[in-house]
Protein backbone atom coordinates (compact mmCIF):
# COMPACT_ATOMS: atom_id res chain seq x y z
CA MET A 1 -5.45 3.20 -7.38
CA GLY A 2 -8.96 4.12 -8.40
CA VAL A 3 -11.29 2.51 -10.91
CA MET A 4 -9.00 3.46 -13.77
CA ASN A 5 -6.02 1.63 -12.39
CA ARG A 6 -7.31 -1.23 -10.29
CA ARG A 7 -6.75 -4.58 -11.91
CA ARG A 8 -8.40 -6.82 -9.37
CA PHE A 9 -11.39 -8.88 -10.53
CA ILE A 10 -11.14 -12.23 -8.82
CA SER A 11 -12.82 -11.89 -5.47
CA ILE A 12 -10.57 -12.46 -2.49
CA THR A 13 -12.22 -13.28 0.78
CA ALA A 14 -10.39 -13.68 4.06
CA ALA A 15 -11.74 -16.58 6.08
CA ALA A 16 -10.79 -16.36 9.74
CA ALA A 17 -12.04 -18.08 12.87
CA GLY A 18 -14.30 -20.23 10.73
CA CYS A 19 -16.21 -17.30 9.21
CA GLY A 20 -15.98 -16.05 5.64
CA LEU A 21 -15.49 -12.30 5.71
CA THR A 22 -15.38 -9.94 2.77
CA LEU A 23 -12.69 -7.30 2.77
CA SER A 24 -15.21 -4.59 3.54
CA GLY A 25 -17.16 -6.62 6.12
CA ALA A 26 -16.98 -6.46 9.88
CA ILE A 27 -14.44 -8.74 11.56
CA ALA A 28 -15.31 -10.48 14.79
CA ALA A 29 -12.96 -10.88 17.73
CA VAL A 30 -11.29 -14.24 18.27
CA PRO A 31 -12.11 -15.50 21.76
CA SER A 32 -8.54 -16.44 22.71
CA GLN A 33 -7.07 -13.11 21.68
CA GLU A 34 -8.82 -9.98 20.53
CA ALA A 35 -8.16 -8.80 16.99
CA VAL A 36 -7.43 -5.16 16.27
CA ASN A 37 -8.83 -4.18 12.89
CA TRP A 38 -8.65 -1.26 10.51
CA ARG A 39 -10.42 -0.71 7.19
CA GLY A 40 -9.78 2.11 4.76
CA ARG A 41 -8.15 2.76 1.39
CA ALA A 42 -4.59 2.50 0.07
CA LEU A 43 -3.66 3.76 -3.39
CA GLY A 44 -7.39 4.03 -4.12
CA ALA A 45 -8.21 0.39 -3.28
CA LEU A 46 -10.00 -1.10 -0.30
CA ALA A 47 -7.53 -1.95 2.44
CA SER A 48 -7.66 -3.66 5.81
CA LEU A 49 -5.48 -4.81 8.69
CA ARG A 50 -6.21 -7.62 11.13
CA ILE A 51 -3.56 -8.02 13.80
CA TYR A 52 -3.22 -9.83 17.11
CA HIS A 53 -1.27 -8.66 20.14
CA PRO A 54 -1.90 -9.24 23.86
CA ASP A 55 -1.61 -5.50 24.51
CA ARG A 56 -4.37 -3.73 22.59
CA ALA A 57 -2.77 -0.31 23.07
CA ILE A 58 0.40 -1.51 21.35
CA ALA A 59 -1.63 -3.03 18.52
CA GLU A 60 -3.58 0.18 17.98
CA ARG A 61 -0.38 2.22 17.95
CA LEU A 62 1.06 -0.10 15.30
CA VAL A 63 -2.06 0.30 13.17
CA ARG A 64 -1.58 4.07 13.27
CA GLN A 65 2.06 3.63 12.27
CA VAL A 66 1.05 1.49 9.30
CA ILE A 67 -1.46 4.11 8.17
CA ARG A 68 1.25 6.78 8.31
CA GLU A 69 3.63 4.50 6.39
CA VAL A 70 1.03 3.90 3.69
CA ASP A 71 0.56 7.65 3.28
CA ARG A 72 4.33 8.16 3.08
CA LEU A 73 4.63 5.54 0.36
CA GLU A 74 1.72 6.99 -1.59
CA GLU A 75 3.73 10.21 -1.74
CA ILE A 76 6.34 8.17 -3.61
CA PHE A 77 4.35 5.84 -5.87
CA SER A 78 1.06 7.57 -6.66
CA LEU A 79 0.39 8.62 -10.25
CA TYR A 80 -2.39 10.89 -9.04
CA ARG A 81 -0.54 13.06 -6.56
CA ALA A 82 1.11 15.80 -8.56
CA GLU A 83 4.08 16.10 -6.22
CA SER A 84 4.71 12.41 -5.65
CA ALA A 85 8.20 11.21 -6.47
CA LEU A 86 6.80 9.23 -9.41
CA SER A 87 4.93 12.20 -10.83
CA GLN A 88 8.06 14.33 -10.57
CA LEU A 89 10.10 11.64 -12.34
CA ASN A 90 7.58 11.33 -15.16
CA ARG A 91 7.32 15.10 -15.51
CA MET A 92 11.05 15.83 -15.49
CA GLY A 93 12.44 12.61 -16.95
CA ALA A 94 14.91 12.29 -14.08
CA LEU A 95 14.98 12.26 -10.31
CA VAL A 96 18.04 13.11 -8.22
CA ALA A 97 18.43 11.47 -4.79
CA PRO A 98 15.39 9.24 -5.33
CA PRO A 99 13.64 7.61 -2.38
CA SER A 100 15.28 4.32 -1.48
CA ASP A 101 11.84 2.69 -1.66
CA MET A 102 11.58 3.57 -5.34
CA VAL A 103 15.04 2.19 -6.07
CA ALA A 104 14.15 -1.06 -4.29
CA VAL A 105 11.00 -1.42 -6.38
CA LEU A 106 12.92 -0.68 -9.58
CA GLU A 107 15.38 -3.45 -8.74
CA THR A 108 12.53 -5.95 -8.47
CA CYS A 109 10.98 -4.52 -11.64
CA ARG A 110 14.21 -5.23 -13.49
CA ASN A 111 14.35 -8.82 -12.23
CA VAL A 112 10.75 -9.58 -13.15
CA TRP A 113 11.08 -7.79 -16.50
CA GLU A 114 14.06 -9.99 -17.35
CA LEU A 115 12.45 -13.25 -16.19
CA THR A 116 9.20 -12.56 -18.05
CA ASP A 117 10.88 -11.39 -21.28
CA GLY A 118 9.32 -7.97 -20.91
CA ALA A 119 5.75 -9.01 -20.09
CA PHE A 120 6.11 -7.01 -16.88
CA ASP A 121 7.36 -3.52 -17.62
CA PRO A 122 6.60 -0.34 -15.63
CA THR A 123 7.44 1.81 -18.67
CA VAL A 124 4.06 0.79 -20.17
CA GLN A 125 2.48 4.08 -19.06
CA PRO A 126 2.69 5.81 -22.50
CA LEU A 127 0.47 3.05 -23.93
CA TRP A 128 -2.04 3.64 -21.16
CA THR A 129 -1.99 7.35 -21.98
CA VAL A 130 -2.69 6.69 -25.68
CA LEU A 131 -5.65 4.46 -24.87
CA ALA A 132 -7.05 6.81 -22.23
CA ARG A 133 -6.81 9.78 -24.58
CA HIS A 134 -8.37 7.88 -27.49
CA PHE A 135 -11.30 6.45 -25.56
CA SER A 136 -12.08 9.72 -23.81
CA ASP A 137 -13.94 10.48 -27.06
CA PRO A 138 -17.49 9.15 -26.47
CA ASP A 139 -17.61 7.83 -30.04
CA ALA A 140 -14.29 5.99 -29.81
CA ASP A 141 -15.76 2.60 -28.92
CA ARG A 142 -16.27 1.96 -32.62
CA SER A 143 -12.67 2.60 -33.58
CA ASP A 144 -9.19 1.43 -32.65
CA PRO A 145 -6.45 3.84 -31.63
CA ALA A 146 -4.40 4.98 -34.60
CA PRO A 147 -1.62 2.45 -35.33
CA ALA A 148 0.84 5.34 -35.53
CA ASP A 149 -0.07 6.38 -31.99
CA ILE A 150 0.49 2.84 -30.70
CA ARG A 151 3.81 2.60 -32.54
CA GLY A 152 4.90 5.93 -31.13
CA ALA A 153 4.07 4.85 -27.60
CA LEU A 154 5.87 1.52 -28.06
CA GLU A 155 9.04 3.43 -28.91
CA LEU A 156 8.91 4.86 -25.39
CA VAL A 157 8.45 1.47 -23.72
CA GLY A 158 11.28 -0.76 -22.54
CA PHE A 159 12.79 -1.11 -19.09
CA ASP A 160 16.26 -1.14 -20.62
CA LYS A 161 15.70 2.59 -21.20
CA VAL A 162 15.50 3.23 -17.44
CA LYS A 163 18.82 4.02 -15.77
CA PHE A 164 18.91 4.08 -12.00
CA ASP A 165 21.04 3.79 -8.91
CA LEU A 166 20.84 5.15 -5.39
CA ASN A 167 21.78 8.63 -6.60
CA ARG A 168 19.63 9.14 -9.68
CA ILE A 169 16.85 7.72 -11.84
CA ALA A 170 16.74 8.74 -15.49
CA LEU A 171 14.36 7.96 -18.34
CA SER A 172 16.34 7.78 -21.56
CA ARG A 173 13.75 9.26 -23.93
CA ARG A 174 11.55 12.31 -23.72
CA GLY A 175 7.95 11.26 -23.22
CA MET A 176 8.72 8.11 -21.24
CA ALA A 177 6.74 7.54 -18.07
CA LEU A 178 6.59 4.86 -15.40
CA THR A 179 3.68 3.31 -13.56
CA PHE A 180 4.06 1.14 -10.48
CA ASN A 181 0.41 0.10 -10.50
CA GLY A 182 1.40 -3.54 -11.01
CA ILE A 183 3.81 -3.72 -8.09
CA ALA A 184 3.45 -0.81 -5.63
CA GLN A 185 0.54 -2.24 -3.68
CA GLY A 186 2.53 -5.40 -3.11
CA TYR A 187 5.53 -3.40 -1.93
CA ILE A 188 3.40 -1.32 0.43
CA THR A 189 1.86 -4.50 1.82
CA ASP A 190 5.34 -5.90 2.49
CA ARG A 191 6.43 -2.71 4.21
CA ALA A 192 3.40 -2.84 6.47
CA VAL A 193 4.17 -6.45 7.42
CA GLU A 194 7.79 -5.53 8.19
CA LEU A 195 6.66 -2.67 10.41
CA LEU A 196 4.23 -4.91 12.29
CA ARG A 197 6.86 -7.60 12.79
CA ARG A 198 9.30 -5.07 14.21
CA GLY A 199 6.55 -4.09 16.62
CA GLY A 200 6.15 -7.64 17.85
CA ILE A 201 3.19 -8.77 15.73
CA GLU A 202 3.51 -12.47 14.94
CA LYS A 203 0.00 -13.08 13.58
CA SER A 204 -1.64 -10.77 11.07
CA MET A 205 -3.51 -10.49 7.80
CA VAL A 206 -2.61 -7.37 5.85
CA ASN A 207 -4.55 -6.32 2.77
CA LEU A 208 -3.25 -3.13 1.18
CA GLY A 209 -4.25 -4.03 -2.36
CA GLU A 210 -2.61 -7.44 -2.05
CA ILE A 211 -2.89 -9.86 0.85
CA ARG A 212 -0.04 -11.08 3.02
CA VAL A 213 -0.38 -13.17 6.16
CA THR A 214 2.08 -13.49 9.02
CA GLY A 215 2.31 -16.69 11.02
CA THR A 216 -0.80 -18.75 11.64
CA LYS A 217 -4.23 -17.82 12.89
CA PRO A 218 -4.49 -17.58 16.69
CA ASP A 219 -5.93 -21.11 16.80
CA GLY A 220 -2.73 -22.43 15.18
CA GLY A 221 -4.29 -23.18 11.82
CA PRO A 222 -3.34 -21.63 8.48
CA TRP A 223 -5.04 -18.53 7.18
CA ARG A 224 -7.65 -19.46 4.59
CA VAL A 225 -8.03 -17.25 1.53
CA ALA A 226 -10.72 -17.93 -1.04
CA ILE A 227 -10.18 -17.20 -4.70
CA GLY A 228 -12.91 -17.46 -7.26
CA ASN A 229 -15.47 -15.79 -9.45
CA ASP A 230 -18.98 -16.76 -10.45
CA THR A 231 -18.04 -17.38 -14.07
CA PHE A 232 -15.45 -20.10 -13.64
CA LEU A 233 -15.98 -21.58 -10.19
CA THR A 234 -19.67 -22.36 -10.08
CA ASP A 235 -19.17 -25.03 -7.41
CA GLY A 236 -17.73 -22.56 -4.95
CA PRO A 237 -14.41 -20.80 -4.45
CA GLU A 238 -11.04 -22.47 -4.33
CA MET A 239 -9.47 -22.20 -0.89
CA LEU A 240 -5.82 -21.45 -0.27
CA GLU A 241 -4.25 -22.22 3.09
CA LEU A 242 -1.42 -19.82 3.82
CA VAL A 243 1.21 -19.38 6.50
CA ASP A 244 3.73 -16.55 6.05
CA LYS A 245 2.73 -16.09 2.40
CA ALA A 246 1.29 -13.43 0.11
CA VAL A 247 -1.33 -13.73 -2.62
CA ALA A 248 -2.17 -11.44 -5.54
CA THR A 249 -4.73 -11.68 -8.32
CA SER A 250 -5.08 -10.09 -11.74
CA SER A 251 -7.63 -10.11 -14.53
CA GLY A 252 -8.22 -7.98 -17.58
CA ALA A 253 -11.90 -8.07 -16.72
CA GLY A 254 -11.31 -5.54 -13.97
CA PHE A 255 -11.49 -2.48 -16.24
CA SER A 256 -11.90 -1.87 -19.97
CA PHE A 257 -11.42 1.34 -21.88
CA ASP A 258 -14.19 0.38 -24.32
CA SER A 259 -17.63 -1.11 -23.74
CA ALA A 260 -16.80 -4.18 -25.87
CA GLY A 261 -13.86 -5.06 -23.62
CA ARG A 262 -11.32 -5.10 -26.45
CA PHE A 263 -8.92 -2.79 -24.63
CA ASN A 264 -8.45 -3.41 -20.93
CA HIS A 265 -6.13 -2.08 -18.28
CA LEU A 266 -3.60 -4.94 -18.50
CA ILE A 267 -1.62 -3.79 -21.51
CA ASP A 268 1.10 -5.91 -23.06
CA PRO A 269 4.14 -3.60 -23.08
CA ARG A 270 5.63 -5.54 -26.00
CA SER A 271 2.72 -5.05 -28.40
CA GLY A 272 0.20 -2.61 -26.95
CA ALA A 273 -2.52 -5.27 -26.93
CA GLY A 274 -4.77 -5.88 -23.96
CA SER A 275 -4.72 -9.08 -21.96
CA HIS A 276 -7.27 -11.83 -22.43
CA GLY A 277 -10.22 -10.46 -20.48
CA ASN A 278 -11.33 -13.97 -19.58
CA ARG A 279 -8.05 -14.95 -17.91
CA HIS A 280 -7.78 -14.81 -14.14
CA VAL A 281 -4.44 -15.23 -12.43
CA THR A 282 -3.62 -15.88 -8.79
CA VAL A 283 0.00 -15.91 -7.60
CA VAL A 284 1.25 -17.02 -4.19
CA ALA A 285 4.74 -15.97 -3.09
CA GLN A 286 6.82 -15.29 0.00
CA ASP A 287 6.35 -11.55 -0.50
CA ALA A 288 3.49 -9.47 -1.87
CA MET A 289 5.64 -7.37 -4.19
CA ARG A 290 6.64 -10.29 -6.40
CA ALA A 291 3.18 -11.84 -6.17
CA ASP A 292 1.79 -8.54 -7.44
CA ALA A 293 4.28 -8.22 -10.29
CA TYR A 294 4.03 -11.82 -11.46
CA SER A 295 0.24 -11.82 -11.39
CA THR A 296 0.41 -8.86 -13.78
CA ALA A 297 2.92 -10.53 -16.08
CA PHE A 298 1.23 -13.94 -16.11
CA SER A 299 -1.97 -12.29 -17.32
CA LEU A 300 -0.10 -11.54 -20.56
CA MET A 301 1.96 -14.71 -21.02
CA PRO A 302 1.30 -18.12 -22.61
CA ARG A 303 1.09 -20.95 -20.10
CA GLU A 304 4.30 -22.55 -21.34
CA ASP A 305 6.20 -19.32 -20.69
CA ILE A 306 4.66 -19.14 -17.23
CA ARG A 307 5.93 -22.65 -16.51
CA THR A 308 9.42 -21.55 -17.50
CA VAL A 309 9.32 -18.70 -14.99
CA LEU A 310 7.97 -20.96 -12.24
CA GLN A 311 10.82 -23.40 -12.79
CA ARG A 312 13.25 -20.58 -12.02
CA GLU A 313 11.30 -18.90 -9.21
CA HIS A 314 10.86 -21.89 -6.93
CA ASP A 315 8.89 -20.09 -4.21
CA ILE A 316 6.23 -18.83 -6.64
CA GLU A 317 2.98 -20.69 -7.27
CA ALA A 318 0.34 -19.71 -9.81
CA ILE A 319 -3.25 -20.63 -10.55
CA ILE A 320 -4.43 -19.72 -14.05
CA SER A 321 -8.06 -19.75 -15.15
CA ASP A 322 -8.84 -19.32 -18.85
CA GLU A 323 -12.39 -19.60 -20.15
CA GLY A 324 -12.76 -23.02 -21.73
CA ALA A 325 -9.46 -24.26 -20.29
CA GLY A 326 -10.38 -24.48 -16.62
CA MET A 327 -8.12 -23.94 -13.64
CA GLU A 328 -4.48 -24.95 -13.73
CA ALA A 329 -1.43 -24.57 -11.55
CA PRO A 330 1.19 -24.65 -14.35
CA ARG A 331 4.16 -25.87 -12.34
């Protein structure tokens, strides 16, 4: 996902072997066991792998397998590859014999859509299209999109209009379109972790748009992940200690259609409004896919509604930062 579709603003820094390391920085070897590392891009975002295995040749082979798997999944979920499964679905309104990966993601989409009362909804793409078209006019910063255009797009939004099973996916109305930008990176991260585990990797940090760690660090301690931004955490970043967990972050400050920041990339599928640009959400979960989806939804939900979701999803934790309200874990 490029600049237009990345929603990450809170900086995430992996801290390993006692050293803080940015995602794009070099990673040093751990004395007791050498790390095999890869850095590149996945769905347009910076990506990295850090894995440990006593046989370096096996570790390097697994890295290559992960890279191939990422490319395979991009051919399913990318909005920007014309022949991806998602692009074909959006173009035709239906997809016969869909990839099982897409069906699995749709099942999680349905669950999160239901639990968040529609705050998470992959059918939001028509609203994105309206905003992108409107603000492509260089003079559009001074005007809002036409209310009729927003209303028309909202008529095409609603996950209840998506019908799917293992044999077919169908969009109920002409003009509907899906985006998996709020969940696909998490799913791809999970798939990479599964592949590494099958290959015998017990300790790893995978960042393919979201971060998921396997096991502990080689020294037996938890992986340390820093969350923070200069606006709200002036005393230094908050540190999370993770073992076999995933973490995802979202903020409307990541991209805005207009220079004033009134319309950002986190669009409420129920109203067409943008999220609060000064809210930053971090979600920790057992898997990266749900962490990804819930971090998107929680950016659009009142804190009380977030608490309701957390009471039902017992393995989910959230940290919410609103300007003027401070940091809170609304359990």
